[in-house]
């Protein structure tokens, strides 16, 4: 199998680079650890390359996942950490031995507009940007973020959406179940619906959005959301219509990290165009043994199911390269 994959490069970021290691570790320590309740794995660039070899992956895109930059707050510390991480990723992916295999997505909290200008007008190396599903109690379609989406539209950016720690009550299911287990896919669902219903997707026709984990429950609940707009009261309250919402939902892309069962893949294929499905592994949060199991599950679907060829490694690689190269700043894969 030959894949293109979105890697979650994160962590107990002790493995980044001297300053990035120190700053990230201090921010994580100050927050009392990962607020999602999930254990934070170790990460190194070398481990990513080994994981790529395990999954027969030709190209990987690095992104900083939860808890990420928001762990440092919303002030200058977070902005400085953002720049440090973005510069580390750009340096790591620009090394001669890595340039053909690695790219990266940038991220920011406050100072987002300035950082976008830096990434797209000065650095010109990132393949896209990363956004969390929520920031505090605001979904991505919140009016507060409208200037950010306007800037993303100006740069015709590729946006990778990944769940972040949720401010919900109770914070944990069953008092202690880490949020990534159940809450994260639902967070993706909520913010995807929000991006459609607020017409953010409609206002940004040149921005492509990737949803992690097969879009959470989007393939199963989007029809319910679209159908709700058939009710005049709902349509009037939201200010949108079913036809527009259906077109907007059709624009999302989906990685299949942790989503390789027959039920998940059939559900995704029932809803999304096969050309919008991408490969993902969720390394390093998903350990090597689990990735091997997921790869075997995926391979079984591809080789035994009638719809398997629609999501074959070659098809997913083609989908990914086409999407990445559409948004390239000069480095084509």
C-alpha atoms as a PDB file:
ATOM      1  CA  UNK A   1       0.000   0.000   0.000  1.00  0.00           C
ATOM      2  CA  UNK A   2       1.176   3.524  -0.750  1.00  0.00           C
ATOM      3  CA  UNK A   3      -0.507   6.227   1.298  1.00  0.00           C
ATOM      4  CA  UNK A   4      -0.457   9.940   1.841  1.00  0.00           C
ATOM      5  CA  UNK A   5      -1.237  10.641   5.451  1.00  0.00           C
ATOM      6  CA  UNK A   6      -1.964  13.459   7.867  1.00  0.00           C
ATOM      7  CA  UNK A   7       0.252  12.897  10.913  1.00  0.00           C
ATOM      8  CA  UNK A   8      -0.542  14.466  14.269  1.00  0.00           C
ATOM      9  CA  UNK A   9       2.825  15.758  15.425  1.00  0.00           C
ATOM     10  CA  UNK A  10       2.329  16.879  18.948  1.00  0.00           C
ATOM     11  CA  UNK A  11       2.927  16.218  22.371  1.00  0.00           C
ATOM     12  CA  UNK A  12       4.734  16.307  25.349  1.00  0.00           C
ATOM     13  CA  UNK A  13       6.482  18.408  22.855  1.00  0.00           C
ATOM     14  CA  UNK A  14       9.760  17.649  24.537  1.00  0.00           C
ATOM     15  CA  UNK A  15      10.942  16.283  21.215  1.00  0.00           C
ATOM     16  CA  UNK A  16      10.635  19.313  18.982  1.00  0.00           C
ATOM     17  CA  UNK A  17      13.705  21.537  19.169  1.00  0.00           C
ATOM     18  CA  UNK A  18      15.531  23.069  22.143  1.00  0.00           C
ATOM     19  CA  UNK A  19      13.417  26.200  22.561  1.00  0.00           C
ATOM     20  CA  UNK A  20      10.206  24.649  21.264  1.00  0.00           C
ATOM     21  CA  UNK A  21      10.729  21.768  23.674  1.00  0.00           C
ATOM     22  CA  UNK A  22      11.210  24.053  26.637  1.00  0.00           C
ATOM     23  CA  UNK A  23       8.390  26.483  25.829  1.00  0.00           C
ATOM     24  CA  UNK A  24       5.838  23.798  24.982  1.00  0.00           C
ATOM     25  CA  UNK A  25       6.690  21.654  27.972  1.00  0.00           C
ATOM     26  CA  UNK A  26       6.422  24.666  30.283  1.00  0.00           C
ATOM     27  CA  UNK A  27       3.021  25.610  28.853  1.00  0.00           C
ATOM     28  CA  UNK A  28       1.759  22.048  29.241  1.00  0.00           C
ATOM     29  CA  UNK A  29       3.118  21.840  32.773  1.00  0.00           C
ATOM     30  CA  UNK A  30       1.543  25.180  33.733  1.00  0.00           C
ATOM     31  CA  UNK A  31      -1.851  23.916  32.571  1.00  0.00           C
ATOM     32  CA  UNK A  32      -1.565  20.793  34.688  1.00  0.00           C
ATOM     33  CA  UNK A  33      -1.120  18.447  31.724  1.00  0.00           C
ATOM     34  CA  UNK A  34      -3.422  17.599  28.846  1.00  0.00           C
ATOM     35  CA  UNK A  35      -6.862  18.945  29.851  1.00  0.00           C
ATOM     36  CA  UNK A  36      -8.640  16.418  27.609  1.00  0.00           C
ATOM     37  CA  UNK A  37      -7.752  13.645  30.045  1.00  0.00           C
ATOM     38  CA  UNK A  38      -5.919  11.667  27.365  1.00  0.00           C
ATOM     39  CA  UNK A  39      -2.314  10.587  27.982  1.00  0.00           C
ATOM     40  CA  UNK A  40       0.136  12.692  25.988  1.00  0.00           C
ATOM     41  CA  UNK A  41       2.521  10.576  23.908  1.00  0.00           C
ATOM     42  CA  UNK A  42       6.147  11.264  23.142  1.00  0.00           C
ATOM     43  CA  UNK A  43       6.886  12.411  19.589  1.00  0.00           C
ATOM     44  CA  UNK A  44      10.010  12.705  17.484  1.00  0.00           C
ATOM     45  CA  UNK A  45      10.500  13.409  13.814  1.00  0.00           C
ATOM     46  CA  UNK A  46      12.289  10.085  13.519  1.00  0.00           C
ATOM     47  CA  UNK A  47       9.270   8.305  15.019  1.00  0.00           C
ATOM     48  CA  UNK A  48       7.049   9.917  12.389  1.00  0.00           C
ATOM     49  CA  UNK A  49       9.330   8.652   9.618  1.00  0.00           C
ATOM     50  CA  UNK A  50       9.262   5.142  11.111  1.00  0.00           C
ATOM     51  CA  UNK A  51       5.470   5.299  11.348  1.00  0.00           C
ATOM     52  CA  UNK A  52       5.314   6.354   7.705  1.00  0.00           C
ATOM     53  CA  UNK A  53       7.406   3.337   6.751  1.00  0.00           C
ATOM     54  CA  UNK A  54       5.107   1.063   8.775  1.00  0.00           C
ATOM     55  CA  UNK A  55       2.070   2.360   6.896  1.00  0.00           C
ATOM     56  CA  UNK A  56       3.890   2.453   3.526  1.00  0.00           C
ATOM     57  CA  UNK A  57       3.319   6.205   3.461  1.00  0.00           C
ATOM     58  CA  UNK A  58       5.069   8.309   0.851  1.00  0.00           C
ATOM     59  CA  UNK A  59       4.110  11.799   2.082  1.00  0.00           C
ATOM     60  CA  UNK A  60       3.072  12.997   5.547  1.00  0.00           C
ATOM     61  CA  UNK A  61       1.741  16.359   6.690  1.00  0.00           C
ATOM     62  CA  UNK A  62       2.775  17.420  10.194  1.00  0.00           C
ATOM     63  CA  UNK A  63       0.326  19.311  12.380  1.00  0.00           C
ATOM     64  CA  UNK A  64       0.300  20.273  16.039  1.00  0.00           C
ATOM     65  CA  UNK A  65      -2.615  18.547  17.720  1.00  0.00           C
ATOM     66  CA  UNK A  66      -4.350  18.831  21.069  1.00  0.00           C
ATOM     67  CA  UNK A  67      -3.695  20.477  23.497  1.00  0.00           C
ATOM     68  CA  UNK A  68      -1.589  22.592  21.146  1.00  0.00           C
ATOM     69  CA  UNK A  69      -1.043  26.327  21.266  1.00  0.00           C
ATOM     70  CA  UNK A  70      -4.200  27.211  23.268  1.00  0.00           C
ATOM     71  CA  UNK A  71      -2.552  25.572  26.272  1.00  0.00           C
ATOM     72  CA  UNK A  72      -0.355  28.698  26.399  1.00  0.00           C
ATOM     73  CA  UNK A  73      -3.301  31.097  26.598  1.00  0.00           C
ATOM     74  CA  UNK A  74      -4.205  33.941  24.255  1.00  0.00           C
ATOM     75  CA  UNK A  75      -1.369  36.419  24.721  1.00  0.00           C
ATOM     76  CA  UNK A  76       2.173  36.974  23.553  1.00  0.00           C
ATOM     77  CA  UNK A  77       3.387  33.658  24.976  1.00  0.00           C
ATOM     78  CA  UNK A  78       0.986  31.798  22.693  1.00  0.00           C
ATOM     79  CA  UNK A  79       1.987  33.910  19.684  1.00  0.00           C
ATOM     80  CA  UNK A  80       5.664  33.299  20.343  1.00  0.00           C
ATOM     81  CA  UNK A  81       5.079  29.577  20.768  1.00  0.00           C
ATOM     82  CA  UNK A  82       3.087  29.521  17.516  1.00  0.00           C
ATOM     83  CA  UNK A  83       5.945  31.121  15.589  1.00  0.00           C
ATOM     84  CA  UNK A  84       8.452  28.745  17.190  1.00  0.00           C
ATOM     85  CA  UNK A  85       6.432  25.684  16.211  1.00  0.00           C
ATOM     86  CA  UNK A  86       5.797  26.951  12.681  1.00  0.00           C
ATOM     87  CA  UNK A  87       9.482  27.692  12.171  1.00  0.00           C
ATOM     88  CA  UNK A  88      10.465  24.286  13.544  1.00  0.00           C
ATOM     89  CA  UNK A  89       8.069  22.522  11.184  1.00  0.00           C
ATOM     90  CA  UNK A  90       9.279  24.583   8.217  1.00  0.00           C
ATOM     91  CA  UNK A  91      12.916  23.763   9.009  1.00  0.00           C
ATOM     92  CA  UNK A  92      12.220  20.067   9.561  1.00  0.00           C
ATOM     93  CA  UNK A  93      10.238  19.690   6.356  1.00  0.00           C
ATOM     94  CA  UNK A  94      12.796  21.653   4.331  1.00  0.00           C
ATOM     95  CA  UNK A  95      15.742  19.358   5.110  1.00  0.00           C
ATOM     96  CA  UNK A  96      16.940  17.687   1.892  1.00  0.00           C
ATOM     97  CA  UNK A  97      16.210  14.209   3.282  1.00  0.00           C
ATOM     98  CA  UNK A  98      12.651  15.206   4.254  1.00  0.00           C
ATOM     99  CA  UNK A  99      11.463  17.701   1.665  1.00  0.00           C
ATOM    100  CA  UNK A 100       9.902  15.090  -0.634  1.00  0.00           C
ATOM    101  CA  UNK A 101       8.168  13.268   2.235  1.00  0.00           C
ATOM    102  CA  UNK A 102       7.063  15.894   4.741  1.00  0.00           C
ATOM    103  CA  UNK A 103       4.926  19.025   4.706  1.00  0.00           C
ATOM    104  CA  UNK A 104       3.181  20.878   7.516  1.00  0.00           C
ATOM    105  CA  UNK A 105       0.051  22.710   8.576  1.00  0.00           C
ATOM    106  CA  UNK A 106       0.460  25.876  10.728  1.00  0.00           C
ATOM    107  CA  UNK A 107      -1.707  27.044  13.676  1.00  0.00           C
ATOM    108  CA  UNK A 108      -2.279  30.075  15.939  1.00  0.00           C
ATOM    109  CA  UNK A 109      -4.695  31.433  18.564  1.00  0.00           C
ATOM    110  CA  UNK A 110      -4.410  35.196  19.013  1.00  0.00           C
ATOM    111  CA  UNK A 111      -2.458  37.025  16.372  1.00  0.00           C
ATOM    112  CA  UNK A 112      -3.932  34.665  13.785  1.00  0.00           C
ATOM    113  CA  UNK A 113      -4.135  37.246  11.026  1.00  0.00           C
ATOM    114  CA  UNK A 114      -0.513  38.283  11.467  1.00  0.00           C
ATOM    115  CA  UNK A 115       0.589  34.660  11.533  1.00  0.00           C
ATOM    116  CA  UNK A 116      -1.367  33.870   8.374  1.00  0.00           C
ATOM    117  CA  UNK A 117       0.344  36.770   6.622  1.00  0.00           C
ATOM    118  CA  UNK A 118       3.699  35.461   7.829  1.00  0.00           C
ATOM    119  CA  UNK A 119       2.986  31.912   6.656  1.00  0.00           C
ATOM    120  CA  UNK A 120       1.594  32.845   3.255  1.00  0.00           C
ATOM    121  CA  UNK A 121       3.399  36.088   2.385  1.00  0.00           C
ATOM    122  CA  UNK A 122       6.809  35.632   4.018  1.00  0.00           C
ATOM    123  CA  UNK A 123       7.601  32.018   4.889  1.00  0.00           C
ATOM    124  CA  UNK A 124       5.678  30.498   1.962  1.00  0.00           C
ATOM    125  CA  UNK A 125       6.366  26.924   3.048  1.00  0.00           C
ATOM    126  CA  UNK A 126       3.256  25.600   4.787  1.00  0.00           C
ATOM    127  CA  UNK A 127       0.817  23.336   2.978  1.00  0.00           C
ATOM    128  CA  UNK A 128      -2.174  24.574   4.942  1.00  0.00           C
ATOM    129  CA  UNK A 129      -3.257  25.585   8.434  1.00  0.00           C
ATOM    130  CA  UNK A 130      -4.716  23.737  11.400  1.00  0.00           C
ATOM    131  CA  UNK A 131      -7.760  24.871  13.365  1.00  0.00           C
ATOM    132  CA  UNK A 132      -9.392  23.387  16.430  1.00  0.00           C
ATOM    133  CA  UNK A 133     -13.097  22.603  16.397  1.00  0.00           C
ATOM    134  CA  UNK A 134     -13.660  25.083  19.218  1.00  0.00           C
ATOM    135  CA  UNK A 135     -11.819  27.892  20.961  1.00  0.00           C
ATOM    136  CA  UNK A 136     -13.311  28.267  24.408  1.00  0.00           C
ATOM    137  CA  UNK A 137     -17.067  28.250  23.873  1.00  0.00           C
ATOM    138  CA  UNK A 138     -16.905  29.398  20.237  1.00  0.00           C
ATOM    139  CA  UNK A 139     -17.313  27.155  17.193  1.00  0.00           C
ATOM    140  CA  UNK A 140     -15.366  27.927  14.027  1.00  0.00           C
ATOM    141  CA  UNK A 141     -18.268  29.704  12.343  1.00  0.00           C
ATOM    142  CA  UNK A 142     -18.538  32.219  15.170  1.00  0.00           C
ATOM    143  CA  UNK A 143     -18.655  35.855  13.934  1.00  0.00           C
ATOM    144  CA  UNK A 144     -15.513  36.542  15.967  1.00  0.00           C
ATOM    145  CA  UNK A 145     -13.561  34.406  13.503  1.00  0.00           C
ATOM    146  CA  UNK A 146     -15.021  35.951  10.330  1.00  0.00           C
ATOM    147  CA  UNK A 147     -11.862  38.044   9.675  1.00  0.00           C
ATOM    148  CA  UNK A 148      -9.775  34.875   9.915  1.00  0.00           C
ATOM    149  CA  UNK A 149     -11.907  33.098   7.335  1.00  0.00           C
ATOM    150  CA  UNK A 150     -11.756  36.165   5.101  1.00  0.00           C
ATOM    151  CA  UNK A 151      -7.960  36.010   5.254  1.00  0.00           C
ATOM    152  CA  UNK A 152      -7.984  32.266   4.583  1.00  0.00           C
ATOM    153  CA  UNK A 153     -10.166  32.928   1.540  1.00  0.00           C
ATOM    154  CA  UNK A 154      -7.714  35.574   0.338  1.00  0.00           C
ATOM    155  CA  UNK A 155      -4.915  33.005   0.473  1.00  0.00           C
ATOM    156  CA  UNK A 156      -7.112  30.175  -0.874  1.00  0.00           C
ATOM    157  CA  UNK A 157      -5.923  28.113   2.067  1.00  0.00           C
ATOM    158  CA  UNK A 158      -6.275  24.458   2.958  1.00  0.00           C
ATOM    159  CA  UNK A 159      -7.617  24.068   6.519  1.00  0.00           C
ATOM    160  CA  UNK A 160      -7.283  20.908   8.600  1.00  0.00           C
ATOM    161  CA  UNK A 161      -9.847  20.800  11.428  1.00  0.00           C
ATOM    162  CA  UNK A 162      -9.054  18.686  14.492  1.00  0.00           C
ATOM    163  CA  UNK A 163     -10.932  18.485  17.796  1.00  0.00           C
ATOM    164  CA  UNK A 164      -9.563  20.246  20.834  1.00  0.00           C
ATOM    165  CA  UNK A 165     -10.386  20.155  24.527  1.00  0.00           C
ATOM    166  CA  UNK A 166     -14.062  20.923  25.095  1.00  0.00           C
ATOM    167  CA  UNK A 167     -15.590  23.210  27.695  1.00  0.00           C
ATOM    168  CA  UNK A 168     -18.600  21.017  28.424  1.00  0.00           C
ATOM    169  CA  UNK A 169     -20.350  19.922  31.604  1.00  0.00           C
ATOM    170  CA  UNK A 170     -19.750  17.362  32.848  1.00  0.00           C
ATOM    171  CA  UNK A 171     -16.247  17.512  31.416  1.00  0.00           C
ATOM    172  CA  UNK A 172     -15.867  13.731  31.208  1.00  0.00           C
ATOM    173  CA  UNK A 173     -18.321  10.960  30.388  1.00  0.00           C
ATOM    174  CA  UNK A 174     -18.489   8.479  33.288  1.00  0.00           C
ATOM    175  CA  UNK A 175     -16.456  10.997  35.321  1.00  0.00           C
ATOM    176  CA  UNK A 176     -13.135   9.987  33.775  1.00  0.00           C
ATOM    177  CA  UNK A 177     -13.450   8.945  30.121  1.00  0.00           C
ATOM    178  CA  UNK A 178     -10.930  11.033  28.180  1.00  0.00           C
ATOM    179  CA  UNK A 179     -12.615  13.436  25.753  1.00  0.00           C
ATOM    180  CA  UNK A 180     -10.956  12.070  22.584  1.00  0.00           C
ATOM    181  CA  UNK A 181     -12.810   8.771  22.987  1.00  0.00           C
ATOM    182  CA  UNK A 182     -16.366  10.069  22.464  1.00  0.00           C
ATOM    183  CA  UNK A 183     -16.450  13.861  22.625  1.00  0.00           C
ATOM    184  CA  UNK A 184     -13.912  14.657  19.916  1.00  0.00           C
ATOM    185  CA  UNK A 185     -15.852  13.161  16.971  1.00  0.00           C
ATOM    186  CA  UNK A 186     -18.957  14.990  18.189  1.00  0.00           C
ATOM    187  CA  UNK A 187     -16.964  18.230  18.414  1.00  0.00           C
ATOM    188  CA  UNK A 188     -16.004  17.816  14.757  1.00  0.00           C
ATOM    189  CA  UNK A 189     -19.658  17.282  13.892  1.00  0.00           C
ATOM    190  CA  UNK A 190     -20.778  20.427  15.701  1.00  0.00           C
ATOM    191  CA  UNK A 191     -18.184  22.714  14.137  1.00  0.00           C
ATOM    192  CA  UNK A 192     -18.743  21.295  10.621  1.00  0.00           C
ATOM    193  CA  UNK A 193     -22.479  21.945  10.897  1.00  0.00           C
ATOM    194  CA  UNK A 194     -21.690  25.398  12.283  1.00  0.00           C
ATOM    195  CA  UNK A 195     -19.443  26.222   9.311  1.00  0.00           C
ATOM    196  CA  UNK A 196     -22.296  25.314   6.980  1.00  0.00           C
ATOM    197  CA  UNK A 197     -25.175  26.925   8.856  1.00  0.00           C
ATOM    198  CA  UNK A 198     -23.313  30.206   9.419  1.00  0.00           C
ATOM    199  CA  UNK A 199     -22.575  30.221   5.666  1.00  0.00           C
ATOM    200  CA  UNK A 200     -18.859  30.381   6.389  1.00  0.00           C
ATOM    201  CA  UNK A 201     -18.251  27.677   3.790  1.00  0.00           C
ATOM    202  CA  UNK A 202     -20.325  29.569   1.228  1.00  0.00           C
ATOM    203  CA  UNK A 203     -18.361  32.779   1.843  1.00  0.00           C
ATOM    204  CA  UNK A 204     -15.053  30.951   1.359  1.00  0.00           C
ATOM    205  CA  UNK A 205     -15.393  29.116  -1.963  1.00  0.00           C
ATOM    206  CA  UNK A 206     -11.623  28.806  -2.420  1.00  0.00           C
ATOM    207  CA  UNK A 207     -10.933  27.363   1.045  1.00  0.00           C
ATOM    208  CA  UNK A 208     -10.889  23.569   1.326  1.00  0.00           C
ATOM    209  CA  UNK A 209     -11.581  22.022   4.739  1.00  0.00           C
ATOM    210  CA  UNK A 210     -10.430  18.583   5.914  1.00  0.00           C
ATOM    211  CA  UNK A 211     -12.376  17.018   8.798  1.00  0.00           C
ATOM    212  CA  UNK A 212     -10.534  14.470  10.926  1.00  0.00           C
ATOM    213  CA  UNK A 213     -11.818  11.015  11.932  1.00  0.00           C
ATOM    214  CA  UNK A 214     -14.185  10.654   8.960  1.00  0.00           C
ATOM    215  CA  UNK A 215     -15.963  13.825  10.029  1.00  0.00           C
ATOM    216  CA  UNK A 216     -17.168  12.390  13.333  1.00  0.00           C
ATOM    217  CA  UNK A 217     -20.924  11.977  12.964  1.00  0.00           C
ATOM    218  CA  UNK A 218     -21.229  14.295   9.950  1.00  0.00           C
ATOM    219  CA  UNK A 219     -21.989  11.464   7.483  1.00  0.00           C
ATOM    220  CA  UNK A 220     -24.846  10.322   9.727  1.00  0.00           C
ATOM    221  CA  UNK A 221     -26.260  13.637  10.947  1.00  0.00           C
ATOM    222  CA  UNK A 222     -25.735  16.086   8.086  1.00  0.00           C
ATOM    223  CA  UNK A 223     -28.926  14.864   6.424  1.00  0.00           C
ATOM    224  CA  UNK A 224     -30.779  15.651   9.623  1.00  0.00           C
ATOM    225  CA  UNK A 225     -29.283  19.154   9.662  1.00  0.00           C
ATOM    226  CA  UNK A 226     -30.141  19.735   6.000  1.00  0.00           C
ATOM    227  CA  UNK A 227     -33.635  18.365   6.520  1.00  0.00           C
ATOM    228  CA  UNK A 228     -34.165  20.716   9.432  1.00  0.00           C
ATOM    229  CA  UNK A 229     -33.871  23.622   7.031  1.00  0.00           C
ATOM    230  CA  UNK A 230     -36.985  22.372   5.251  1.00  0.00           C
ATOM    231  CA  UNK A 231     -38.911  23.703   8.244  1.00  0.00           C
ATOM    232  CA  UNK A 232     -39.569  27.427   7.668  1.00  0.00           C
ATOM    233  CA  UNK A 233     -39.086  28.218  11.349  1.00  0.00           C
ATOM    234  CA  UNK A 234     -35.634  26.601  11.388  1.00  0.00           C
ATOM    235  CA  UNK A 235     -34.600  28.083   8.041  1.00  0.00           C
ATOM    236  CA  UNK A 236     -35.678  31.559   9.129  1.00  0.00           C
ATOM    237  CA  UNK A 237     -33.858  31.284  12.447  1.00  0.00           C
ATOM    238  CA  UNK A 238     -30.644  30.054  10.825  1.00  0.00           C
ATOM    239  CA  UNK A 239     -30.938  32.285   7.777  1.00  0.00           C
ATOM    240  CA  UNK A 240     -30.033  29.586   5.283  1.00  0.00           C
ATOM    241  CA  UNK A 241     -31.678  27.033   3.015  1.00  0.00           C
ATOM    242  CA  UNK A 242     -31.440  23.279   2.500  1.00  0.00           C
ATOM    243  CA  UNK A 243     -30.067  23.469  -1.039  1.00  0.00           C
ATOM    244  CA  UNK A 244     -27.204  25.735  -0.047  1.00  0.00           C
ATOM    245  CA  UNK A 245     -26.399  23.620   3.000  1.00  0.00           C
ATOM    246  CA  UNK A 246     -26.301  20.435   0.923  1.00  0.00           C
ATOM    247  CA  UNK A 247     -23.817  22.013  -1.495  1.00  0.00           C
ATOM    248  CA  UNK A 248     -21.637  23.218   1.369  1.00  0.00           C
ATOM    249  CA  UNK A 249     -21.541  19.834   3.119  1.00  0.00           C
ATOM    250  CA  UNK A 250     -20.429  18.268  -0.170  1.00  0.00           C
ATOM    251  CA  UNK A 251     -17.250  20.383  -0.110  1.00  0.00           C
ATOM    252  CA  UNK A 252     -15.692  18.843   3.019  1.00  0.00           C
ATOM    253  CA  UNK A 253     -12.777  16.411   2.830  1.00  0.00           C
ATOM    254  CA  UNK A 254     -12.359  13.581   5.346  1.00  0.00           C
ATOM    255  CA  UNK A 255      -9.377  11.693   6.692  1.00  0.00           C
ATOM    256  CA  UNK A 256     -10.078   8.154   7.912  1.00  0.00           C
ATOM    257  CA  UNK A 257      -7.879   8.137  11.015  1.00  0.00           C
ATOM    258  CA  UNK A 258      -9.453   5.675  13.503  1.00  0.00           C
ATOM    259  CA  UNK A 259     -12.285   5.189  10.994  1.00  0.00           C
ATOM    260  CA  UNK A 260     -11.501   2.073   8.972  1.00  0.00           C
ATOM    261  CA  UNK A 261     -14.336  -0.297   9.893  1.00  0.00           C
ATOM    262  CA  UNK A 262     -16.746  -1.388   7.181  1.00  0.00           C
ATOM    263  CA  UNK A 263     -19.576   0.493   8.900  1.00  0.00           C
ATOM    264  CA  UNK A 264     -17.564   3.722   9.030  1.00  0.00           C
ATOM    265  CA  UNK A 265     -16.302   3.504   5.459  1.00  0.00           C
ATOM    266  CA  UNK A 266     -19.717   2.606   4.062  1.00  0.00           C
ATOM    267  CA  UNK A 267     -21.285   5.483   5.988  1.00  0.00           C
ATOM    268  CA  UNK A 268     -18.693   7.885   4.638  1.00  0.00           C
ATOM    269  CA  UNK A 269     -19.085   6.624   1.068  1.00  0.00           C
ATOM    270  CA  UNK A 270     -22.865   6.903   1.349  1.00  0.00           C
ATOM    271  CA  UNK A 271     -22.485  10.595   2.169  1.00  0.00           C
ATOM    272  CA  UNK A 272     -19.255  11.936   0.662  1.00  0.00           C
ATOM    273  CA  UNK A 273     -17.764  11.786  -2.801  1.00  0.00           C
ATOM    274  CA  UNK A 274     -14.995   9.181  -2.858  1.00  0.00           C
ATOM    275  CA  UNK A 275     -12.597  11.811  -4.237  1.00  0.00           C
ATOM    276  CA  UNK A 276     -12.859  13.662  -0.902  1.00  0.00           C
ATOM    277  CA  UNK A 277     -11.604  10.775   1.255  1.00  0.00           C
ATOM    278  CA  UNK A 278      -8.003  10.863   2.534  1.00  0.00           C
ATOM    279  CA  UNK A 279      -5.851   8.529   4.600  1.00  0.00           C
ATOM    280  CA  UNK A 280      -4.823   9.213   8.217  1.00  0.00           C
ATOM    281  CA  UNK A 281      -3.424   7.227  11.146  1.00  0.00           C
ATOM    282  CA  UNK A 282      -3.522   9.546  14.207  1.00  0.00           C
ATOM    283  CA  UNK A 283       0.100   8.772  15.055  1.00  0.00           C
ATOM    284  CA  UNK A 284       1.482   9.184  17.723  1.00  0.00           C
ATOM    285  CA  UNK A 285      -1.725   9.105  19.798  1.00  0.00           C
ATOM    286  CA  UNK A 286      -2.477   5.736  18.214  1.00  0.00           C
ATOM    287  CA  UNK A 287       0.400   3.339  18.997  1.00  0.00           C
ATOM    288  CA  UNK A 288       2.182   1.179  16.445  1.00  0.00           C
ATOM    289  CA  UNK A 289       0.238  -1.997  17.255  1.00  0.00           C
ATOM    290  CA  UNK A 290      -3.112  -0.239  16.898  1.00  0.00           C
ATOM    291  CA  UNK A 291      -2.066   1.356  13.601  1.00  0.00           C
ATOM    292  CA  UNK A 292      -1.186  -2.103  12.293  1.00  0.00           C
ATOM    293  CA  UNK A 293      -4.638  -3.356  13.307  1.00  0.00           C
ATOM    294  CA  UNK A 294      -6.357  -0.412  11.631  1.00  0.00           C
ATOM    295  CA  UNK A 295      -4.288  -0.911   8.477  1.00  0.00           C
ATOM    296  CA  UNK A 296      -5.297  -4.577   8.385  1.00  0.00           C
ATOM    297  CA  UNK A 297      -8.950  -3.609   8.837  1.00  0.00           C
ATOM    298  CA  UNK A 298      -8.653  -1.082   6.029  1.00  0.00           C
ATOM    299  CA  UNK A 299      -6.892  -3.580   3.757  1.00  0.00           C
ATOM    300  CA  UNK A 300      -9.649  -6.128   4.349  1.00  0.00           C
ATOM    301  CA  UNK A 301     -12.275  -3.603   3.263  1.00  0.00           C
ATOM    302  CA  UNK A 302     -10.310  -2.628   0.168  1.00  0.00           C
ATOM    303  CA  UNK A 303      -9.726  -6.222  -0.949  1.00  0.00           C
ATOM    304  CA  UNK A 304     -13.027  -7.890  -0.005  1.00  0.00           C
ATOM    305  CA  UNK A 305     -15.762  -5.262  -0.208  1.00  0.00           C
ATOM    306  CA  UNK A 306     -17.396  -4.312  -3.499  1.00  0.00           C
ATOM    307  CA  UNK A 307     -16.750  -0.648  -2.696  1.00  0.00           C
ATOM    308  CA  UNK A 308     -13.159  -1.262  -1.661  1.00  0.00           C
ATOM    309  CA  UNK A 309     -11.616   0.049  -4.898  1.00  0.00           C
ATOM    310  CA  UNK A 310     -13.283   3.420  -4.228  1.00  0.00           C
ATOM    311  CA  UNK A 311     -10.966   3.929  -1.229  1.00  0.00           C
ATOM    312  CA  UNK A 312      -7.922   1.971  -2.381  1.00  0.00           C
ATOM    313  CA  UNK A 313      -4.475   3.254  -1.358  1.00  0.00           C
ATOM    314  CA  UNK A 314      -3.904   4.498  -4.903  1.00  0.00           C
ATOM    315  CA  UNK A 315      -7.204   6.416  -4.899  1.00  0.00           C
ATOM    316  CA  UNK A 316      -6.579   7.998  -1.499  1.00  0.00           C
ATOM    317  CA  UNK A 317      -3.066   8.963  -2.507  1.00  0.00           C
ATOM    318  CA  UNK A 318      -4.389  10.533  -5.705  1.00  0.00           C
ATOM    319  CA  UNK A 319      -7.016  12.443  -3.713  1.00  0.00           C
ATOM    320  CA  UNK A 320      -4.450  13.719  -1.232  1.00  0.00           C
ATOM    321  CA  UNK A 321      -1.851  14.810  -3.759  1.00  0.00           C
ATOM    322  CA  UNK A 322      -4.437  16.606  -5.856  1.00  0.00           C
ATOM    323  CA  UNK A 323      -5.705  18.490  -2.795  1.00  0.00           C
ATOM    324  CA  UNK A 324      -2.259  19.384  -1.447  1.00  0.00           C
ATOM    325  CA  UNK A 325      -0.894  20.492  -4.797  1.00  0.00           C
ATOM    326  CA  UNK A 326      -3.959  22.666  -5.390  1.00  0.00           C
ATOM    327  CA  UNK A 327      -2.915  24.711  -2.356  1.00  0.00           C
ATOM    328  CA  UNK A 328       0.857  24.519  -2.729  1.00  0.00           C
ATOM    329  CA  UNK A 329       2.971  27.615  -2.174  1.00  0.00           C
ATOM    330  CA  UNK A 330       5.637  26.275  -4.491  1.00  0.00           C
ATOM    331  CA  UNK A 331       6.514  22.835  -3.142  1.00  0.00           C
ATOM    332  CA  UNK A 332       4.583  20.206  -5.075  1.00  0.00           C
ATOM    333  CA  UNK A 333       4.462  16.573  -4.000  1.00  0.00           C
END
